[in-house]
C-alpha atoms as a PDB file:
ATOM      1  CA  UNK A   1      87.932 -27.423  70.634  1.00  0.00           C
ATOM      2  CA  UNK A   2      87.490 -30.087  67.934  1.00  0.00           C
ATOM      3  CA  UNK A   3      87.164 -28.648  64.447  1.00  0.00           C
ATOM      4  CA  UNK A   4      84.139 -29.244  62.272  1.00  0.00           C
ATOM      5  CA  UNK A   5      84.222 -31.977  59.623  1.00  0.00           C
ATOM      6  CA  UNK A   6      81.913 -30.639  56.929  1.00  0.00           C
ATOM      7  CA  UNK A   7      84.661 -31.024  54.326  1.00  0.00           C
ATOM      8  CA  UNK A   8      87.653 -29.023  53.171  1.00  0.00           C
ATOM      9  CA  UNK A   9      87.225 -25.264  53.269  1.00  0.00           C
ATOM     10  CA  UNK A  10      90.471 -24.962  51.309  1.00  0.00           C
ATOM     11  CA  UNK A  11      91.998 -27.562  49.008  1.00  0.00           C
ATOM     12  CA  UNK A  12      95.316 -26.890  47.249  1.00  0.00           C
ATOM     13  CA  UNK A  13      96.436 -29.494  44.680  1.00  0.00           C
ATOM     14  CA  UNK A  14      99.789 -29.692  42.877  1.00  0.00           C
ATOM     15  CA  UNK A  15     100.347 -25.947  42.999  1.00  0.00           C
ATOM     16  CA  UNK A  16     103.527 -24.473  41.486  1.00  0.00           C
ATOM     17  CA  UNK A  17     104.488 -20.845  40.960  1.00  0.00           C
ATOM     18  CA  UNK A  18     107.478 -19.242  39.254  1.00  0.00           C
ATOM     19  CA  UNK A  19     108.383 -15.571  38.950  1.00  0.00           C
ATOM     20  CA  UNK A  20     110.159 -14.342  35.843  1.00  0.00           C
ATOM     21  CA  UNK A  21     112.115 -11.102  35.596  1.00  0.00           C
ATOM     22  CA  UNK A  22     114.921  -9.525  33.619  1.00  0.00           C
ATOM     23  CA  UNK A  23     117.440 -11.217  35.911  1.00  0.00           C
ATOM     24  CA  UNK A  24     116.091 -14.747  35.417  1.00  0.00           C
ATOM     25  CA  UNK A  25     113.585 -17.288  36.637  1.00  0.00           C
ATOM     26  CA  UNK A  26     112.789 -17.874  40.332  1.00  0.00           C
ATOM     27  CA  UNK A  27     110.761 -20.982  41.280  1.00  0.00           C
ATOM     28  CA  UNK A  28     108.810 -20.037  44.422  1.00  0.00           C
ATOM     29  CA  UNK A  29     106.404 -22.966  44.991  1.00  0.00           C
ATOM     30  CA  UNK A  30     106.716 -26.527  43.724  1.00  0.00           C
ATOM     31  CA  UNK A  31     103.878 -29.079  43.670  1.00  0.00           C
ATOM     32  CA  UNK A  32     102.244 -27.912  46.922  1.00  0.00           C
ATOM     33  CA  UNK A  33      99.189 -29.843  48.104  1.00  0.00           C
ATOM     34  CA  UNK A  34      97.300 -29.533  51.395  1.00  0.00           C
ATOM     35  CA  UNK A  35      93.784 -29.126  52.825  1.00  0.00           C
ATOM     36  CA  UNK A  36      92.223 -27.045  55.564  1.00  0.00           C
ATOM     37  CA  UNK A  37      89.011 -28.551  56.883  1.00  0.00           C
ATOM     38  CA  UNK A  38      86.052 -26.368  57.841  1.00  0.00           C
ATOM     39  CA  UNK A  39      86.689 -24.932  61.313  1.00  0.00           C
ATOM     40  CA  UNK A  40      90.307 -26.087  61.407  1.00  0.00           C
ATOM     41  CA  UNK A  41      93.317 -23.985  62.441  1.00  0.00           C
ATOM     42  CA  UNK A  42      96.210 -24.755  60.092  1.00  0.00           C
ATOM     43  CA  UNK A  43      99.700 -23.264  60.348  1.00  0.00           C
ATOM     44  CA  UNK A  44     101.863 -23.008  57.233  1.00  0.00           C
ATOM     45  CA  UNK A  45     105.320 -23.160  58.779  1.00  0.00           C
ATOM     46  CA  UNK A  46     108.602 -22.692  57.011  1.00  0.00           C
ATOM     47  CA  UNK A  47     111.709 -20.533  56.641  1.00  0.00           C
ATOM     48  CA  UNK A  48     111.468 -16.899  55.583  1.00  0.00           C
ATOM     49  CA  UNK A  49     111.398 -16.462  51.816  1.00  0.00           C
ATOM     50  CA  UNK A  50     109.976 -19.923  51.198  1.00  0.00           C
ATOM     51  CA  UNK A  51     106.900 -18.804  49.247  1.00  0.00           C
ATOM     52  CA  UNK A  52     104.378 -18.854  52.095  1.00  0.00           C
ATOM     53  CA  UNK A  53     103.046 -15.360  51.345  1.00  0.00           C
ATOM     54  CA  UNK A  54     102.817 -16.213  47.654  1.00  0.00           C
ATOM     55  CA  UNK A  55     100.806 -19.305  48.581  1.00  0.00           C
ATOM     56  CA  UNK A  56      98.319 -17.168  50.545  1.00  0.00           C
ATOM     57  CA  UNK A  57      98.073 -14.743  47.637  1.00  0.00           C
ATOM     58  CA  UNK A  58      97.192 -17.610  45.302  1.00  0.00           C
ATOM     59  CA  UNK A  59      94.605 -18.996  47.749  1.00  0.00           C
ATOM     60  CA  UNK A  60      93.077 -15.513  48.051  1.00  0.00           C
ATOM     61  CA  UNK A  61      92.866 -15.234  44.271  1.00  0.00           C
ATOM     62  CA  UNK A  62      95.363 -12.357  44.068  1.00  0.00           C
ATOM     63  CA  UNK A  63      97.852 -14.386  42.022  1.00  0.00           C
ATOM     64  CA  UNK A  64      97.505 -17.209  39.502  1.00  0.00           C
ATOM     65  CA  UNK A  65      99.521 -20.430  39.807  1.00  0.00           C
ATOM     66  CA  UNK A  66     101.556 -21.790  36.894  1.00  0.00           C
ATOM     67  CA  UNK A  67     100.180 -25.284  37.537  1.00  0.00           C
ATOM     68  CA  UNK A  68      97.821 -26.860  40.031  1.00  0.00           C
ATOM     69  CA  UNK A  69      94.556 -25.656  41.501  1.00  0.00           C
ATOM     70  CA  UNK A  70      92.886 -24.072  44.524  1.00  0.00           C
ATOM     71  CA  UNK A  71      89.321 -24.779  45.625  1.00  0.00           C
ATOM     72  CA  UNK A  72      87.444 -22.828  48.269  1.00  0.00           C
ATOM     73  CA  UNK A  73      84.445 -24.738  49.623  1.00  0.00           C
ATOM     74  CA  UNK A  74      84.721 -26.976  46.557  1.00  0.00           C
ATOM     75  CA  UNK A  75      84.851 -24.144  44.011  1.00  0.00           C
ATOM     76  CA  UNK A  76      87.660 -22.209  42.318  1.00  0.00           C
ATOM     77  CA  UNK A  77      88.444 -18.763  43.772  1.00  0.00           C
ATOM     78  CA  UNK A  78      86.088 -16.219  42.241  1.00  0.00           C
ATOM     79  CA  UNK A  79      85.231 -12.530  42.396  1.00  0.00           C
ATOM     80  CA  UNK A  80      82.798 -12.988  45.280  1.00  0.00           C
ATOM     81  CA  UNK A  81      84.573 -12.581  48.640  1.00  0.00           C
ATOM     82  CA  UNK A  82      84.694 -15.838  50.581  1.00  0.00           C
ATOM     83  CA  UNK A  83      87.989 -15.125  52.328  1.00  0.00           C
ATOM     84  CA  UNK A  84      89.221 -12.433  54.719  1.00  0.00           C
ATOM     85  CA  UNK A  85      92.953 -11.837  54.295  1.00  0.00           C
ATOM     86  CA  UNK A  86      95.167 -10.100  56.874  1.00  0.00           C
ATOM     87  CA  UNK A  87      98.607  -9.399  55.450  1.00  0.00           C
ATOM     88  CA  UNK A  88     101.852  -8.708  57.321  1.00  0.00           C
ATOM     89  CA  UNK A  89     101.308  -4.943  57.446  1.00  0.00           C
ATOM     90  CA  UNK A  90      98.152  -3.712  59.176  1.00  0.00           C
ATOM     91  CA  UNK A  91      97.194  -1.533  56.140  1.00  0.00           C
ATOM     92  CA  UNK A  92      94.908   0.662  58.252  1.00  0.00           C
ATOM     93  CA  UNK A  93      93.726   3.754  56.380  1.00  0.00           C
ATOM     94  CA  UNK A  94      95.511   6.657  58.143  1.00  0.00           C
ATOM     95  CA  UNK A  95      92.661   9.169  57.655  1.00  0.00           C
ATOM     96  CA  UNK A  96      90.032   6.903  59.237  1.00  0.00           C
ATOM     97  CA  UNK A  97      89.542   6.270  62.946  1.00  0.00           C
ATOM     98  CA  UNK A  98      89.792   2.787  64.404  1.00  0.00           C
ATOM     99  CA  UNK A  99      86.002   2.513  64.329  1.00  0.00           C
ATOM    100  CA  UNK A 100      85.808   3.553  60.686  1.00  0.00           C
ATOM    101  CA  UNK A 101      88.691   1.267  59.719  1.00  0.00           C
ATOM    102  CA  UNK A 102      87.248  -1.871  61.274  1.00  0.00           C
ATOM    103  CA  UNK A 103      83.820  -1.209  59.726  1.00  0.00           C
ATOM    104  CA  UNK A 104      85.194  -0.643  56.226  1.00  0.00           C
ATOM    105  CA  UNK A 105      83.766  -3.848  54.699  1.00  0.00           C
ATOM    106  CA  UNK A 106      80.293  -3.621  56.332  1.00  0.00           C
ATOM    107  CA  UNK A 107      79.791  -0.164  54.764  1.00  0.00           C
ATOM    108  CA  UNK A 108      78.863  -1.944  51.527  1.00  0.00           C
ATOM    109  CA  UNK A 109      76.177  -4.118  53.127  1.00  0.00           C
ATOM    110  CA  UNK A 110      72.519  -3.597  53.883  1.00  0.00           C
ATOM    111  CA  UNK A 111      71.429  -1.377  56.781  1.00  0.00           C
ATOM    112  CA  UNK A 112      70.506  -4.430  58.861  1.00  0.00           C
ATOM    113  CA  UNK A 113      73.881  -6.079  58.236  1.00  0.00           C
ATOM    114  CA  UNK A 114      75.692  -2.845  59.110  1.00  0.00           C
ATOM    115  CA  UNK A 115      73.837  -2.644  62.427  1.00  0.00           C
ATOM    116  CA  UNK A 116      74.802  -6.247  63.175  1.00  0.00           C
ATOM    117  CA  UNK A 117      78.433  -5.511  62.286  1.00  0.00           C
ATOM    118  CA  UNK A 118      78.439  -2.429  64.527  1.00  0.00           C
ATOM    119  CA  UNK A 119      77.120  -4.507  67.415  1.00  0.00           C
ATOM    120  CA  UNK A 120      79.836  -7.089  66.825  1.00  0.00           C
ATOM    121  CA  UNK A 121      82.455  -4.315  66.555  1.00  0.00           C
ATOM    122  CA  UNK A 122      81.506  -2.965  69.975  1.00  0.00           C
ATOM    123  CA  UNK A 123      81.923  -6.469  71.412  1.00  0.00           C
ATOM    124  CA  UNK A 124      85.316  -6.902  69.727  1.00  0.00           C
ATOM    125  CA  UNK A 125      86.515  -3.483  70.895  1.00  0.00           C
ATOM    126  CA  UNK A 126      85.934  -4.640  74.464  1.00  0.00           C
ATOM    127  CA  UNK A 127      87.468  -8.067  73.808  1.00  0.00           C
ATOM    128  CA  UNK A 128      90.592  -6.456  72.319  1.00  0.00           C
ATOM    129  CA  UNK A 129      90.707  -3.663  74.942  1.00  0.00           C
ATOM    130  CA  UNK A 130      90.370  -0.957  72.282  1.00  0.00           C
ATOM    131  CA  UNK A 131      87.070   0.603  73.368  1.00  0.00           C
ATOM    132  CA  UNK A 132      88.840   3.795  74.562  1.00  0.00           C
ATOM    133  CA  UNK A 133      90.543   4.162  71.177  1.00  0.00           C
ATOM    134  CA  UNK A 134      87.558   3.727  68.856  1.00  0.00           C
ATOM    135  CA  UNK A 135      87.730   7.323  67.603  1.00  0.00           C
ATOM    136  CA  UNK A 136      91.516   7.600  67.457  1.00  0.00           C
ATOM    137  CA  UNK A 137      93.524   7.676  64.221  1.00  0.00           C
ATOM    138  CA  UNK A 138      95.991   4.817  63.538  1.00  0.00           C
ATOM    139  CA  UNK A 139      99.030   7.114  63.927  1.00  0.00           C
ATOM    140  CA  UNK A 140      98.162   7.509  67.614  1.00  0.00           C
ATOM    141  CA  UNK A 141      98.158   3.763  68.307  1.00  0.00           C
ATOM    142  CA  UNK A 142     100.967   1.419  69.335  1.00  0.00           C
ATOM    143  CA  UNK A 143     101.981  -1.409  67.003  1.00  0.00           C
ATOM    144  CA  UNK A 144     100.064  -3.961  69.043  1.00  0.00           C
ATOM    145  CA  UNK A 145      96.916  -1.845  69.001  1.00  0.00           C
ATOM    146  CA  UNK A 146      97.163  -1.436  65.232  1.00  0.00           C
ATOM    147  CA  UNK A 147      97.480  -5.202  64.791  1.00  0.00           C
ATOM    148  CA  UNK A 148      94.454  -5.764  67.016  1.00  0.00           C
ATOM    149  CA  UNK A 149      92.478  -3.261  64.942  1.00  0.00           C
ATOM    150  CA  UNK A 150      93.595  -4.991  61.731  1.00  0.00           C
ATOM    151  CA  UNK A 151      92.508  -8.357  63.114  1.00  0.00           C
ATOM    152  CA  UNK A 152      89.133  -6.847  64.065  1.00  0.00           C
ATOM    153  CA  UNK A 153      88.702  -5.513  60.539  1.00  0.00           C
ATOM    154  CA  UNK A 154      89.522  -8.965  59.148  1.00  0.00           C
ATOM    155  CA  UNK A 155      86.897 -10.593  61.382  1.00  0.00           C
ATOM    156  CA  UNK A 156      84.246  -8.011  60.519  1.00  0.00           C
ATOM    157  CA  UNK A 157      84.587  -8.839  56.833  1.00  0.00           C
ATOM    158  CA  UNK A 158      82.113 -11.577  57.764  1.00  0.00           C
ATOM    159  CA  UNK A 159      83.931 -14.411  55.986  1.00  0.00           C
ATOM    160  CA  UNK A 160      84.289 -17.927  57.368  1.00  0.00           C
ATOM    161  CA  UNK A 161      87.869 -18.345  56.151  1.00  0.00           C
ATOM    162  CA  UNK A 162      90.711 -16.232  57.577  1.00  0.00           C
ATOM    163  CA  UNK A 163      94.131 -16.055  55.916  1.00  0.00           C
ATOM    164  CA  UNK A 164      96.717 -14.516  58.246  1.00  0.00           C
ATOM    165  CA  UNK A 165     100.210 -13.739  56.961  1.00  0.00           C
ATOM    166  CA  UNK A 166     102.607 -13.473  59.921  1.00  0.00           C
ATOM    167  CA  UNK A 167     100.311 -10.962  61.639  1.00  0.00           C
ATOM    168  CA  UNK A 168     102.385 -10.845  64.845  1.00  0.00           C
ATOM    169  CA  UNK A 169     105.904 -11.220  63.456  1.00  0.00           C
ATOM    170  CA  UNK A 170     107.055  -7.636  64.068  1.00  0.00           C
ATOM    171  CA  UNK A 171     105.763  -7.379  67.657  1.00  0.00           C
ATOM    172  CA  UNK A 172     107.559  -7.769  70.970  1.00  0.00           C
ATOM    173  CA  UNK A 173     107.159 -11.078  72.816  1.00  0.00           C
ATOM    174  CA  UNK A 174     104.619  -9.843  75.384  1.00  0.00           C
ATOM    175  CA  UNK A 175     102.346  -8.179  72.815  1.00  0.00           C
ATOM    176  CA  UNK A 176     102.679 -11.161  70.474  1.00  0.00           C
ATOM    177  CA  UNK A 177     101.629 -13.552  73.250  1.00  0.00           C
ATOM    178  CA  UNK A 178      98.555 -11.447  74.045  1.00  0.00           C
ATOM    179  CA  UNK A 179      97.484 -11.282  70.409  1.00  0.00           C
ATOM    180  CA  UNK A 180      97.993 -15.016  69.982  1.00  0.00           C
ATOM    181  CA  UNK A 181      95.614 -15.508  72.911  1.00  0.00           C
ATOM    182  CA  UNK A 182      93.120 -13.111  71.291  1.00  0.00           C
ATOM    183  CA  UNK A 183      93.317 -15.048  68.021  1.00  0.00           C
ATOM    184  CA  UNK A 184      92.664 -18.370  69.759  1.00  0.00           C
ATOM    185  CA  UNK A 185      89.663 -16.894  71.556  1.00  0.00           C
ATOM    186  CA  UNK A 186      88.290 -15.494  68.302  1.00  0.00           C
ATOM    187  CA  UNK A 187      88.771 -18.859  66.565  1.00  0.00           C
ATOM    188  CA  UNK A 188      86.889 -20.634  69.365  1.00  0.00           C
ATOM    189  CA  UNK A 189      84.094 -18.040  69.622  1.00  0.00           C
ATOM    190  CA  UNK A 190      83.459 -17.512  65.912  1.00  0.00           C
ATOM    191  CA  UNK A 191      84.277 -21.019  64.553  1.00  0.00           C
ATOM    192  CA  UNK A 192      86.383 -19.715  61.688  1.00  0.00           C
ATOM    193  CA  UNK A 193      88.684 -21.686  59.410  1.00  0.00           C
ATOM    194  CA  UNK A 194      92.138 -20.183  59.955  1.00  0.00           C
ATOM    195  CA  UNK A 195      95.283 -20.547  57.849  1.00  0.00           C
ATOM    196  CA  UNK A 196      98.215 -18.851  59.584  1.00  0.00           C
ATOM    197  CA  UNK A 197     101.550 -18.306  57.840  1.00  0.00           C
ATOM    198  CA  UNK A 198     104.488 -18.187  60.240  1.00  0.00           C
ATOM    199  CA  UNK A 199     108.179 -18.996  60.508  1.00  0.00           C
ATOM    200  CA  UNK A 200     107.894 -19.197  64.308  1.00  0.00           C
ATOM    201  CA  UNK A 201     107.876 -22.889  65.332  1.00  0.00           C
ATOM    202  CA  UNK A 202     106.500 -22.210  68.820  1.00  0.00           C
ATOM    203  CA  UNK A 203     103.687 -20.059  67.432  1.00  0.00           C
ATOM    204  CA  UNK A 204     102.640 -22.853  65.075  1.00  0.00           C
ATOM    205  CA  UNK A 205     102.739 -25.436  67.865  1.00  0.00           C
ATOM    206  CA  UNK A 206     100.820 -23.305  70.373  1.00  0.00           C
ATOM    207  CA  UNK A 207      97.999 -22.207  68.055  1.00  0.00           C
ATOM    208  CA  UNK A 208      97.219 -24.732  65.328  1.00  0.00           C
ATOM    209  CA  UNK A 209      95.389 -28.048  64.986  1.00  0.00           C
ATOM    210  CA  UNK A 210      97.744 -29.061  62.211  1.00  0.00           C
ATOM    211  CA  UNK A 211     101.081 -27.875  60.847  1.00  0.00           C
ATOM    212  CA  UNK A 212     101.965 -27.987  57.158  1.00  0.00           C
ATOM    213  CA  UNK A 213     105.760 -27.811  57.045  1.00  0.00           C
ATOM    214  CA  UNK A 214     107.171 -26.098  53.951  1.00  0.00           C
ATOM    215  CA  UNK A 215     110.752 -26.188  52.700  1.00  0.00           C
ATOM    216  CA  UNK A 216     112.935 -23.283  51.661  1.00  0.00           C
ATOM    217  CA  UNK A 217     112.519 -21.901  48.132  1.00  0.00           C
ATOM    218  CA  UNK A 218     111.063 -23.414  46.084  1.00  0.00           C
ATOM    219  CA  UNK A 219     108.545 -24.174  48.795  1.00  0.00           C
ATOM    220  CA  UNK A 220     107.211 -27.709  48.852  1.00  0.00           C
ATOM    221  CA  UNK A 221     105.407 -29.683  51.560  1.00  0.00           C
ATOM    222  CA  UNK A 222     107.935 -31.636  53.645  1.00  0.00           C
ATOM    223  CA  UNK A 223     105.520 -32.960  56.273  1.00  0.00           C
ATOM    224  CA  UNK A 224     102.129 -32.508  57.958  1.00  0.00           C
ATOM    225  CA  UNK A 225     101.746 -32.841  61.719  1.00  0.00           C
ATOM    226  CA  UNK A 226      98.501 -32.993  63.668  1.00  0.00           C
ATOM    227  CA  UNK A 227      98.412 -31.645  67.228  1.00  0.00           C
ATOM    228  CA  UNK A 228      95.789 -33.333  69.405  1.00  0.00           C
ATOM    229  CA  UNK A 229      96.836 -31.781  72.726  1.00  0.00           C
ATOM    230  CA  UNK A 230      94.387 -29.168  74.149  1.00  0.00           C
ATOM    231  CA  UNK A 231      95.703 -25.630  73.842  1.00  0.00           C
ATOM    232  CA  UNK A 232      95.841 -24.990  77.583  1.00  0.00           C
ATOM    233  CA  UNK A 233      98.208 -27.952  78.054  1.00  0.00           C
ATOM    234  CA  UNK A 234     100.690 -27.058  75.328  1.00  0.00           C
ATOM    235  CA  UNK A 235     102.975 -24.471  76.884  1.00  0.00           C
ATOM    236  CA  UNK A 236     104.833 -26.930  79.139  1.00  0.00           C
ATOM    237  CA  UNK A 237     104.193 -30.099  77.167  1.00  0.00           C
ATOM    238  CA  UNK A 238     107.108 -32.526  76.714  1.00  0.00           C
ATOM    239  CA  UNK A 239     105.302 -33.908  73.641  1.00  0.00           C
ATOM    240  CA  UNK A 240     105.387 -30.496  71.972  1.00  0.00           C
ATOM    241  CA  UNK A 241     109.038 -30.049  72.929  1.00  0.00           C
ATOM    242  CA  UNK A 242     109.783 -33.244  71.005  1.00  0.00           C
ATOM    243  CA  UNK A 243     107.712 -32.011  68.053  1.00  0.00           C
ATOM    244  CA  UNK A 244     109.630 -28.727  68.082  1.00  0.00           C
ATOM    245  CA  UNK A 245     112.954 -30.583  67.982  1.00  0.00           C
ATOM    246  CA  UNK A 246     111.680 -32.719  65.096  1.00  0.00           C
ATOM    247  CA  UNK A 247     110.508 -29.671  63.136  1.00  0.00           C
ATOM    248  CA  UNK A 248     113.781 -27.816  63.655  1.00  0.00           C
ATOM    249  CA  UNK A 249     115.692 -30.883  62.518  1.00  0.00           C
ATOM    250  CA  UNK A 250     113.607 -31.104  59.336  1.00  0.00           C
ATOM    251  CA  UNK A 251     114.040 -27.391  58.629  1.00  0.00           C
ATOM    252  CA  UNK A 252     117.802 -27.561  59.104  1.00  0.00           C
ATOM    253  CA  UNK A 253     118.083 -30.597  56.820  1.00  0.00           C
ATOM    254  CA  UNK A 254     120.748 -33.304  56.880  1.00  0.00           C
ATOM    255  CA  UNK A 255     123.551 -30.731  56.714  1.00  0.00           C
ATOM    256  CA  UNK A 256     122.142 -28.429  59.407  1.00  0.00           C
END
């Protein structure tokens, strides 16, 4: 599905971030610049510990950069929620059922908006095969079910921009593949702008329109790669095999 071209939903310019502690100074991000167009699926790909999660935190407005800027739909991040952020852990509230967890954000909306969100939740429960577990507590769910519920909650926040921080990294290969397929379907059906952080090269190649390749700490943009191939043709594509080899070579560096 071609992404929309209404302009950048996210624009990061010259962003740097350093952490300071009693043990010293740790540069985490260095002069990072990239854009995510409206309706685009962008993967931020790089080695573990390269500042990718910090970058999402800055985009979400949870952290402040030392230098550089972030603009969301042309404006700086502000107190009004324009982004839905799914972090690595599912963060489901253990005392609330699946239904109550996924409808957490709509509780603060008008009665009409809550009814609309409940209708959408019923549809997503069926899509994610969780309809039989709507009134079950998170402790009774498998890891894959919890991640599906967390993704549902992220979608029901009602925001057009989704930030996803390695949401499938701790899952087995079969469950991860199923959830990747769910995410692609959601992206197509709901026309969201998605920024996915991952260190899995195949995941980035299979899901995204464009890959922003980040270095090890301090993270900086090494390359950007656009993927024009339709998603259903990617799994056995020789073109993507070549791209994977290129990416791995860049990540390993000249001494790899």
